[in-house]
Amino acid sequence: MLRFVTQRACNKPYIAQFGSIVQGLFMEDWLRITGILNKQVGLTPYESRAYVSLMMYGPMSPSEIAKKASIPRPRTYDVLQSLMEKGLLVEQSGKPSIYACVEPAQGLKSLLIEMEMEASRQLEERRKSVQTLTKLLSQMYEKSKSLKLERSKVWFTERDAAFIAIYSEAIRSCEKEILIASTSPYPPEKEILEAAKYALNNGRSIRVVRQITEFWTSEDLENYEKYIEAGSQVRYLDIREIPLRFMIFDEKDVILVFPSESESAELGALWLRIPPLARILRQNFEKLWTKGKPMLPILKEIRNKKQS
């Protein structure tokens, strides 16, 4: 076998072909690693190319790095200085200076720690900004909320994230009672359940008729059980028995939710401040409530079946 390799090694075309294959694999790794450094670690393209070139070829002068990494000479010193500040390179003074990589486990670990600290600083700054904005905007909103509600008796919107936020606030702001007839096969959003618990803790009454479907996970069932135990009155009713999905707040505001024309589109929601309509729908809700069965025993039975 050794003789076969030696004989083939004398074949120059074979050597050239083998060398091109190795170079191709070499370049593939080079591109893959520089791509990760750009996208995941936050190095610039020039920094990534300089760093990987030094890792592959060993210590080099700035001119050698510029050539190997295809970096413009005027940019080379800035790139190397940045990599040293990030703890990835060390410099050996001389004419010219020689640059080498710090051992990757140490250099990249230090860089990750610095990234985490910077991300933490930025998150804290944003948190403070949001807290300040929340305080200022809440003051403005409280002053204008009642005026807007009285002025606008009809709103139409999609049942999207913005609607969920407004709906959750309406639950929190309820003065006396909320009635909900739901045809949704999915569990309520976390924000809605949190708002409902807030309303219950402040003496509001919440009654719901709805069905539990196969789309509910064990976690959804557990969370909803806690919601019922917090004081909400819920009755189980097949969604085919509920002709319309609606919510009533204090016999004043009504939300009607309509199915979308396509599965990809959001549901449409019509928000009405029409007390006579609220009273009519309340009568409809009471009929549904009479048909329904207490939810808690059914919910526990469904949850036990899922867990078994």
Protein backbone atom coordinates (compact mmCIF):
# COMPACT_ATOMS: atom_id res chain seq x y z
CA MET A 1 0.00 0.00 0.00
CA LEU A 2 2.85 2.33 0.83
CA ARG A 3 4.48 1.61 -2.51
CA PHE A 4 1.20 2.38 -4.32
CA VAL A 5 0.92 5.78 -2.67
CA THR A 6 4.54 6.57 -3.39
CA GLN A 7 4.15 5.70 -7.03
CA ARG A 8 0.97 7.76 -7.41
CA ALA A 9 2.63 10.65 -5.58
CA CYS A 10 5.06 10.89 -8.48
CA ASN A 11 2.14 11.56 -10.78
CA LYS A 12 1.94 15.38 -10.95
CA PRO A 13 -1.63 15.59 -12.33
CA TYR A 14 -2.77 13.41 -9.41
CA ILE A 15 -0.98 15.72 -6.95
CA ALA A 16 -2.66 18.76 -8.47
CA GLN A 17 -6.08 17.11 -8.34
CA PHE A 18 -5.59 15.99 -4.73
CA GLY A 19 -4.41 19.48 -3.80
CA SER A 20 -7.47 21.12 -5.34
CA ILE A 21 -9.75 18.77 -3.38
CA VAL A 22 -8.03 19.64 -0.11
CA GLN A 23 -8.16 23.34 -0.95
CA GLY A 24 -11.88 23.04 -1.70
CA LEU A 25 -12.55 21.41 1.68
CA PHE A 26 -10.35 24.02 3.33
CA MET A 27 -12.30 26.88 1.74
CA GLU A 28 -15.64 25.27 2.63
CA ASP A 29 -14.68 25.21 6.33
CA TRP A 30 -13.34 28.75 6.08
CA LEU A 31 -16.61 30.07 4.66
CA ARG A 32 -18.74 28.14 7.15
CA ILE A 33 -16.77 29.37 10.17
CA THR A 34 -16.65 33.00 9.02
CA GLY A 35 -20.41 32.85 8.41
CA ILE A 36 -21.03 31.70 11.99
CA LEU A 37 -18.72 34.41 13.35
CA ASN A 38 -20.65 37.04 11.35
CA LYS A 39 -24.20 35.95 12.14
CA GLN A 40 -23.94 34.43 15.61
CA VAL A 41 -20.92 36.02 17.29
CA GLY A 42 -21.23 39.54 15.88
CA LEU A 43 -17.85 39.95 14.16
CA THR A 44 -17.69 42.02 10.98
CA PRO A 45 -16.82 40.20 7.73
CA TYR A 46 -13.28 41.63 7.80
CA GLU A 47 -12.81 40.65 11.45
CA SER A 48 -14.07 37.12 10.78
CA ARG A 49 -11.76 36.65 7.80
CA ALA A 50 -8.73 37.98 9.67
CA TYR A 51 -9.45 35.85 12.73
CA VAL A 52 -9.98 32.61 10.79
CA SER A 53 -6.93 33.26 8.61
CA LEU A 54 -4.75 33.69 11.70
CA MET A 55 -6.27 30.56 13.20
CA MET A 56 -5.48 28.56 10.06
CA TYR A 57 -2.09 29.97 9.03
CA GLY A 58 -0.67 30.95 12.43
CA PRO A 59 0.95 34.25 13.52
CA MET A 60 1.32 36.82 10.73
CA SER A 61 2.17 40.45 10.09
CA PRO A 62 -0.54 42.92 9.05
CA SER A 63 0.51 42.75 5.39
CA GLU A 64 0.35 38.96 5.43
CA ILE A 65 -3.06 39.04 7.10
CA ALA A 66 -4.36 41.54 4.53
CA LYS A 67 -3.24 39.22 1.75
CA LYS A 68 -4.51 35.97 3.25
CA ALA A 69 -7.86 37.40 4.38
CA SER A 70 -8.40 39.69 1.37
CA ILE A 71 -8.72 42.79 3.53
CA PRO A 72 -7.84 46.28 2.20
CA ARG A 73 -4.51 47.34 3.70
CA PRO A 74 -5.91 50.66 5.12
CA ARG A 75 -8.51 48.68 7.09
CA THR A 76 -6.18 45.98 8.43
CA TYR A 77 -4.92 47.80 11.53
CA ASP A 78 -8.45 48.83 12.59
CA VAL A 79 -9.63 45.23 12.18
CA LEU A 80 -6.72 43.84 14.21
CA GLN A 81 -7.16 46.46 16.93
CA SER A 82 -10.87 45.58 17.21
CA LEU A 83 -10.09 41.86 17.48
CA MET A 84 -7.56 42.57 20.26
CA GLU A 85 -10.12 44.67 22.15
CA LYS A 86 -12.51 41.72 21.92
CA GLY A 87 -9.88 39.45 23.46
CA LEU A 88 -9.39 37.26 20.38
CA LEU A 89 -5.85 38.31 19.36
CA VAL A 90 -2.53 39.22 20.95
CA GLU A 91 0.17 41.43 19.45
CA GLN A 92 3.93 40.88 19.53
CA SER A 93 5.65 44.24 19.08
CA GLY A 94 8.29 44.54 16.42
CA LYS A 95 8.88 45.79 12.90
CA PRO A 96 6.46 44.67 11.74
CA SER A 97 4.22 43.63 14.61
CA ILE A 98 3.09 40.01 14.63
CA TYR A 99 -0.46 39.02 15.53
CA ALA A 100 -1.63 35.65 16.85
CA CYS A 101 -4.92 34.14 18.05
CA VAL A 102 -5.72 33.62 21.68
CA GLU A 103 -6.59 29.98 22.40
CA PRO A 104 -10.22 29.68 21.10
CA ALA A 105 -11.76 28.26 24.28
CA GLN A 106 -10.46 31.27 26.22
CA GLY A 107 -10.91 33.96 23.58
CA LEU A 108 -14.43 33.03 22.53
CA LYS A 109 -15.52 32.48 26.13
CA SER A 110 -14.34 35.99 27.07
CA LEU A 111 -16.14 37.38 24.02
CA LEU A 112 -19.36 35.59 24.98
CA ILE A 113 -19.18 36.98 28.51
CA GLU A 114 -18.75 40.50 27.09
CA MET A 115 -21.69 39.96 24.71
CA GLU A 116 -23.89 38.78 27.60
CA MET A 117 -22.92 41.81 29.68
CA GLU A 118 -23.66 44.17 26.79
CA ALA A 119 -26.99 42.47 26.07
CA SER A 120 -27.88 42.75 29.76
CA ARG A 121 -27.02 46.47 29.76
CA GLN A 122 -29.14 47.07 26.66
CA LEU A 123 -32.05 45.08 28.10
CA GLU A 124 -31.92 47.05 31.33
CA GLU A 125 -31.92 50.34 29.39
CA ARG A 126 -34.93 49.22 27.36
CA ARG A 127 -36.73 48.04 30.49
CA LYS A 128 -36.26 51.47 32.08
CA SER A 129 -37.43 53.17 28.88
CA VAL A 130 -40.55 50.99 28.74
CA GLN A 131 -41.31 51.69 32.40
CA THR A 132 -40.99 55.43 31.80
CA LEU A 133 -43.13 55.27 28.66
CA THR A 134 -45.73 53.11 30.38
CA LYS A 135 -46.09 55.63 33.19
CA LEU A 136 -46.34 58.64 30.85
CA LEU A 137 -48.61 57.00 28.30
CA SER A 138 -50.86 55.47 30.97
CA GLN A 139 -51.49 58.92 32.40
CA MET A 140 -52.42 60.19 28.93
CA TYR A 141 -54.57 57.14 28.23
CA GLU A 142 -56.52 57.37 31.47
CA LYS A 143 -57.43 60.98 30.71
CA SER A 144 -58.66 60.21 27.21
CA LYS A 145 -60.08 56.68 27.63
CA SER A 146 -63.59 57.54 28.76
CA LEU A 147 -63.91 60.31 26.20
CA LYS A 148 -62.91 57.97 23.35
CA LEU A 149 -65.30 55.26 24.48
CA GLU A 150 -68.24 57.61 24.68
CA ARG A 151 -67.43 59.21 21.36
CA SER A 152 -66.86 55.94 19.43
CA LYS A 153 -69.73 53.54 19.83
CA VAL A 154 -68.60 51.13 17.10
CA TRP A 155 -65.11 49.74 16.51
CA PHE A 156 -64.11 47.05 14.06
CA THR A 157 -60.75 45.33 14.27
CA GLU A 158 -59.01 42.05 13.65
CA ARG A 159 -58.62 39.68 16.55
CA ASP A 160 -54.86 40.16 16.69
CA ALA A 161 -52.28 41.02 19.37
CA ALA A 162 -53.55 44.60 19.63
CA PHE A 163 -57.10 43.35 20.14
CA ILE A 164 -55.94 40.92 22.84
CA ALA A 165 -54.31 43.83 24.69
CA ILE A 166 -57.46 45.99 24.47
CA TYR A 167 -59.70 43.07 25.39
CA SER A 168 -57.54 42.24 28.42
CA GLU A 169 -57.71 45.83 29.60
CA ALA A 170 -61.50 45.84 29.19
CA ILE A 171 -61.66 42.79 31.46
CA ARG A 172 -59.51 44.51 34.07
CA SER A 173 -61.59 47.70 33.84
CA CYS A 174 -64.94 45.96 34.14
CA GLU A 175 -67.03 47.40 36.98
CA LYS A 176 -69.40 44.54 37.72
CA GLU A 177 -69.87 41.60 35.36
CA ILE A 178 -68.47 39.92 32.24
CA LEU A 179 -70.39 37.32 30.23
CA ILE A 180 -68.61 35.27 27.57
CA ALA A 181 -70.01 32.81 25.03
CA SER A 182 -67.08 31.31 23.16
CA THR A 183 -67.04 29.13 20.06
CA SER A 184 -63.24 29.03 19.91
CA PRO A 185 -61.72 25.53 19.85
CA TYR A 186 -58.54 26.96 21.35
CA PRO A 187 -57.79 27.93 24.97
CA PRO A 188 -57.77 31.62 25.98
CA GLU A 189 -54.49 33.49 25.66
CA LYS A 190 -52.35 33.85 28.79
CA GLU A 191 -52.92 37.63 28.85
CA ILE A 192 -56.69 37.15 28.92
CA LEU A 193 -56.54 34.65 31.79
CA GLU A 194 -54.28 36.97 33.79
CA ALA A 195 -56.71 39.87 33.24
CA ALA A 196 -59.63 37.67 34.28
CA LYS A 197 -57.88 36.64 37.49
CA TYR A 198 -57.26 40.32 38.24
CA ALA A 199 -60.96 41.09 37.75
CA LEU A 200 -61.99 38.16 39.95
CA ASN A 201 -59.60 39.24 42.70
CA ASN A 202 -61.26 42.66 42.62
CA GLY A 203 -64.77 41.35 43.12
CA ARG A 204 -65.97 41.18 39.53
CA SER A 205 -68.22 38.38 38.30
CA ILE A 206 -67.23 36.33 35.24
CA ARG A 207 -69.41 33.68 33.63
CA VAL A 208 -68.37 31.66 30.58
CA VAL A 209 -69.96 29.03 28.36
CA ARG A 210 -67.57 27.14 26.09
CA GLN A 211 -66.26 23.74 25.04
CA ILE A 212 -62.92 21.97 25.59
CA THR A 213 -61.48 20.45 22.40
CA GLU A 214 -58.53 18.28 21.36
CA PHE A 215 -56.46 21.43 20.72
CA TRP A 216 -56.04 21.98 24.46
CA THR A 217 -52.79 20.66 25.95
CA SER A 218 -52.43 19.32 29.47
CA GLU A 219 -50.84 22.62 30.45
CA ASP A 220 -53.80 24.54 28.97
CA LEU A 221 -56.22 22.41 30.97
CA GLU A 222 -54.26 22.89 34.17
CA ASN A 223 -54.12 26.67 33.72
CA TYR A 224 -57.85 26.85 32.99
CA GLU A 225 -58.63 24.74 36.04
CA LYS A 226 -56.75 27.27 38.19
CA TYR A 227 -58.70 30.06 36.49
CA ILE A 228 -62.00 28.38 37.43
CA GLU A 229 -60.83 27.74 40.97
CA ALA A 230 -59.97 31.44 41.23
CA GLY A 231 -63.70 32.18 41.06
CA SER A 232 -64.79 32.18 37.44
CA GLN A 233 -68.07 30.40 36.75
CA VAL A 234 -67.68 28.27 33.63
CA ARG A 235 -70.10 25.84 32.02
CA TYR A 236 -69.36 23.28 29.34
CA LEU A 237 -71.45 23.58 26.19
CA ASP A 238 -70.85 22.12 22.74
CA ILE A 239 -69.87 24.88 20.34
CA ARG A 240 -72.61 23.74 17.97
CA GLU A 241 -75.08 24.92 20.61
CA ILE A 242 -73.57 28.43 20.62
CA PRO A 243 -74.77 30.36 17.54
CA LEU A 244 -72.58 33.43 18.06
CA ARG A 245 -69.32 34.23 19.80
CA PHE A 246 -69.75 37.29 22.01
CA MET A 247 -68.71 39.04 25.21
CA ILE A 248 -70.74 41.48 27.33
CA PHE A 249 -69.27 43.99 29.77
CA ASP A 250 -71.54 45.50 32.46
CA GLU A 251 -74.53 45.34 30.08
CA LYS A 252 -72.97 48.22 28.13
CA ASP A 253 -70.24 47.03 25.77
CA VAL A 254 -70.56 44.08 23.43
CA ILE A 255 -67.86 42.33 21.40
CA LEU A 256 -68.96 40.14 18.51
CA VAL A 257 -66.29 37.88 17.00
CA PHE A 258 -66.81 36.66 13.46
CA PRO A 259 -65.04 33.78 11.69
CA SER A 260 -62.60 34.78 8.95
CA GLU A 261 -63.16 33.96 5.30
CA SER A 262 -59.81 32.12 5.09
CA GLU A 263 -57.92 30.04 7.65
CA SER A 264 -54.83 32.27 7.40
CA ALA A 265 -56.71 35.51 8.14
CA GLU A 266 -57.37 36.86 11.62
CA LEU A 267 -60.88 36.76 13.06
CA GLY A 268 -62.90 39.94 12.79
CA ALA A 269 -64.14 41.61 15.99
CA LEU A 270 -66.90 44.20 16.24
CA TRP A 271 -66.91 46.25 19.46
CA LEU A 272 -70.22 48.00 20.20
CA ARG A 273 -71.29 50.30 23.01
CA ILE A 274 -75.04 49.74 22.68
CA PRO A 275 -76.70 48.88 26.03
CA PRO A 276 -80.01 47.67 24.45
CA LEU A 277 -78.04 45.15 22.36
CA ALA A 278 -76.11 44.10 25.47
CA ARG A 279 -79.38 43.38 27.27
CA ILE A 280 -80.72 41.30 24.37
CA LEU A 281 -77.53 39.26 24.19
CA ARG A 282 -77.62 38.77 27.92
CA GLN A 283 -80.98 37.05 27.56
CA ASN A 284 -79.42 34.79 24.93
CA PHE A 285 -76.49 34.09 27.24
CA GLU A 286 -78.80 33.05 30.10
CA LYS A 287 -80.43 30.45 27.82
CA LEU A 288 -76.98 29.07 26.91
CA TRP A 289 -76.01 29.07 30.57
CA THR A 290 -79.05 26.96 31.43
CA LYS A 291 -78.07 24.37 28.80
CA GLY A 292 -74.48 24.15 29.97
CA LYS A 293 -72.97 21.74 32.49
CA PRO A 294 -70.50 22.66 35.26
CA MET A 295 -67.08 22.76 33.61
CA LEU A 296 -64.73 21.79 36.44
CA PRO A 297 -65.66 18.06 36.72
CA ILE A 298 -65.56 17.68 32.91
CA LEU A 299 -62.25 19.50 32.67
CA LYS A 300 -60.64 17.30 35.34
CA GLU A 301 -61.91 14.18 33.59
CA ILE A 302 -60.44 15.33 30.26
CA ARG A 303 -57.12 16.23 31.91
CA ASN A 304 -56.89 12.83 33.63
CA LYS A 305 -57.49 11.06 30.31
CA LYS A 306 -54.74 13.08 28.65
CA GLN A 307 -52.28 12.28 31.41
CA SER A 308 -53.08 8.56 31.51
